[in-house]
Amino acid sequence: VQTHLRFASNELRRAAYRQQGLWGDASLADYWQQTARAMPDKIAVVDNHGASYTYSAIDHAASCLANWMLAKGIESGDRIAFQLPGWCE
């Protein structure tokens, strides 16, 4: 019963957020693509050494990485891990 009440409460909250325009059906990838297309030359990331990347540069690098993973046989649903430095590289 407790789980059902929590679920109903979450559904009501979701409905309210949608009605207020706070939530939609777009994914994080959708928002990224929209931003990268709208402002490709805008700086998206700056590290503490002053190096920076634009939205288009990051989008291109992500596409290259995705294509490389597909070529290596990595498929949707596979688990992968990354270890990244705290600076642009």
Protein backbone atom coordinates (compact mmCIF):
# COMPACT_ATOMS: atom_id res chain seq x y z
CA VAL A 1 0.00 0.00 0.00
CA GLN A 2 2.83 2.39 0.88
CA THR A 3 4.48 1.83 -2.52
CA HIS A 4 1.18 2.44 -4.32
CA LEU A 5 0.69 5.76 -2.48
CA ARG A 6 4.23 6.84 -3.29
CA PHE A 7 3.72 5.93 -6.96
CA ALA A 8 0.42 7.87 -7.09
CA SER A 9 2.11 10.86 -5.47
CA ASN A 10 4.93 10.71 -8.02
CA GLU A 11 2.42 10.48 -10.87
CA LEU A 12 0.59 13.57 -9.58
CA ARG A 13 3.88 15.43 -9.29
CA ARG A 14 4.88 14.42 -12.82
CA ALA A 15 1.52 15.58 -14.17
CA ALA A 16 1.89 18.93 -12.39
CA TYR A 17 5.44 19.39 -13.72
CA ARG A 18 4.29 18.62 -17.26
CA GLN A 19 1.34 21.01 -16.96
CA GLN A 20 3.69 23.78 -15.77
CA GLY A 21 6.02 23.10 -18.70
CA LEU A 22 8.86 21.99 -16.43
CA TRP A 23 8.96 18.43 -17.81
CA GLY A 24 8.65 17.18 -21.34
CA ASP A 25 9.43 14.14 -23.42
CA ALA A 26 12.90 15.25 -24.54
CA SER A 27 15.91 13.23 -23.40
CA LEU A 28 19.26 14.62 -22.28
CA ALA A 29 20.60 13.69 -25.73
CA ASP A 30 17.76 15.68 -27.34
CA TYR A 31 18.67 18.76 -25.28
CA TRP A 32 22.36 18.34 -26.11
CA GLN A 33 21.68 18.10 -29.86
CA GLN A 34 19.38 21.11 -29.74
CA THR A 35 22.04 23.18 -27.96
CA ALA A 36 24.90 21.99 -30.17
CA ARG A 37 22.92 22.93 -33.29
CA ALA A 38 21.76 26.29 -31.93
CA MET A 39 25.18 27.48 -30.76
CA PRO A 40 27.92 25.24 -32.20
CA ASP A 41 30.72 27.77 -31.73
CA LYS A 42 29.87 28.67 -28.14
CA ILE A 43 32.29 27.47 -25.46
CA ALA A 44 30.78 24.50 -23.62
CA VAL A 45 33.62 23.48 -21.29
CA VAL A 46 36.58 25.33 -19.77
CA ASP A 47 39.09 23.61 -17.51
CA ASN A 48 41.19 25.15 -14.73
CA HIS A 49 44.15 25.52 -17.13
CA GLY A 50 42.14 27.70 -19.53
CA ALA A 51 41.66 25.07 -22.25
CA SER A 52 38.18 24.99 -23.74
CA TYR A 53 35.95 23.14 -26.18
CA THR A 54 32.95 24.33 -28.17
CA TYR A 55 29.67 22.48 -28.37
CA SER A 56 30.47 21.39 -31.93
CA ALA A 57 33.91 20.05 -30.94
CA ILE A 58 32.46 18.00 -28.09
CA ASP A 59 29.59 16.79 -30.28
CA HIS A 60 32.06 15.70 -32.97
CA ALA A 61 34.30 13.92 -30.44
CA ALA A 62 31.27 12.15 -28.92
CA SER A 63 30.14 10.99 -32.37
CA CYS A 64 33.62 9.66 -33.14
CA LEU A 65 33.70 7.79 -29.83
CA ALA A 66 30.22 6.35 -30.44
CA ASN A 67 31.22 5.17 -33.91
CA TRP A 68 34.42 3.60 -32.54
CA MET A 69 32.44 1.74 -29.87
CA LEU A 70 29.97 0.47 -32.47
CA ALA A 71 32.87 -0.70 -34.64
CA LYS A 72 34.28 -2.60 -31.64
CA GLY A 73 30.96 -4.40 -31.18
CA ILE A 74 29.67 -2.45 -28.21
CA GLU A 75 25.88 -2.40 -28.37
CA SER A 76 23.01 -0.61 -26.69
CA GLY A 77 22.60 -2.02 -23.19
CA ASP A 78 26.28 -2.99 -22.80
CA ARG A 79 28.01 -1.63 -19.71
CA ILE A 80 31.15 0.43 -20.15
CA ALA A 81 33.26 2.58 -17.83
CA PHE A 82 35.38 5.66 -18.41
CA GLN A 83 38.06 7.26 -16.30
CA LEU A 84 38.59 10.86 -17.33
CA PRO A 85 41.00 13.53 -16.11
CA GLY A 86 39.71 16.78 -14.64
CA TRP A 87 41.10 18.81 -17.53
CA CYS A 88 40.59 19.16 -21.26
CA GLU A 89 42.64 16.65 -23.20
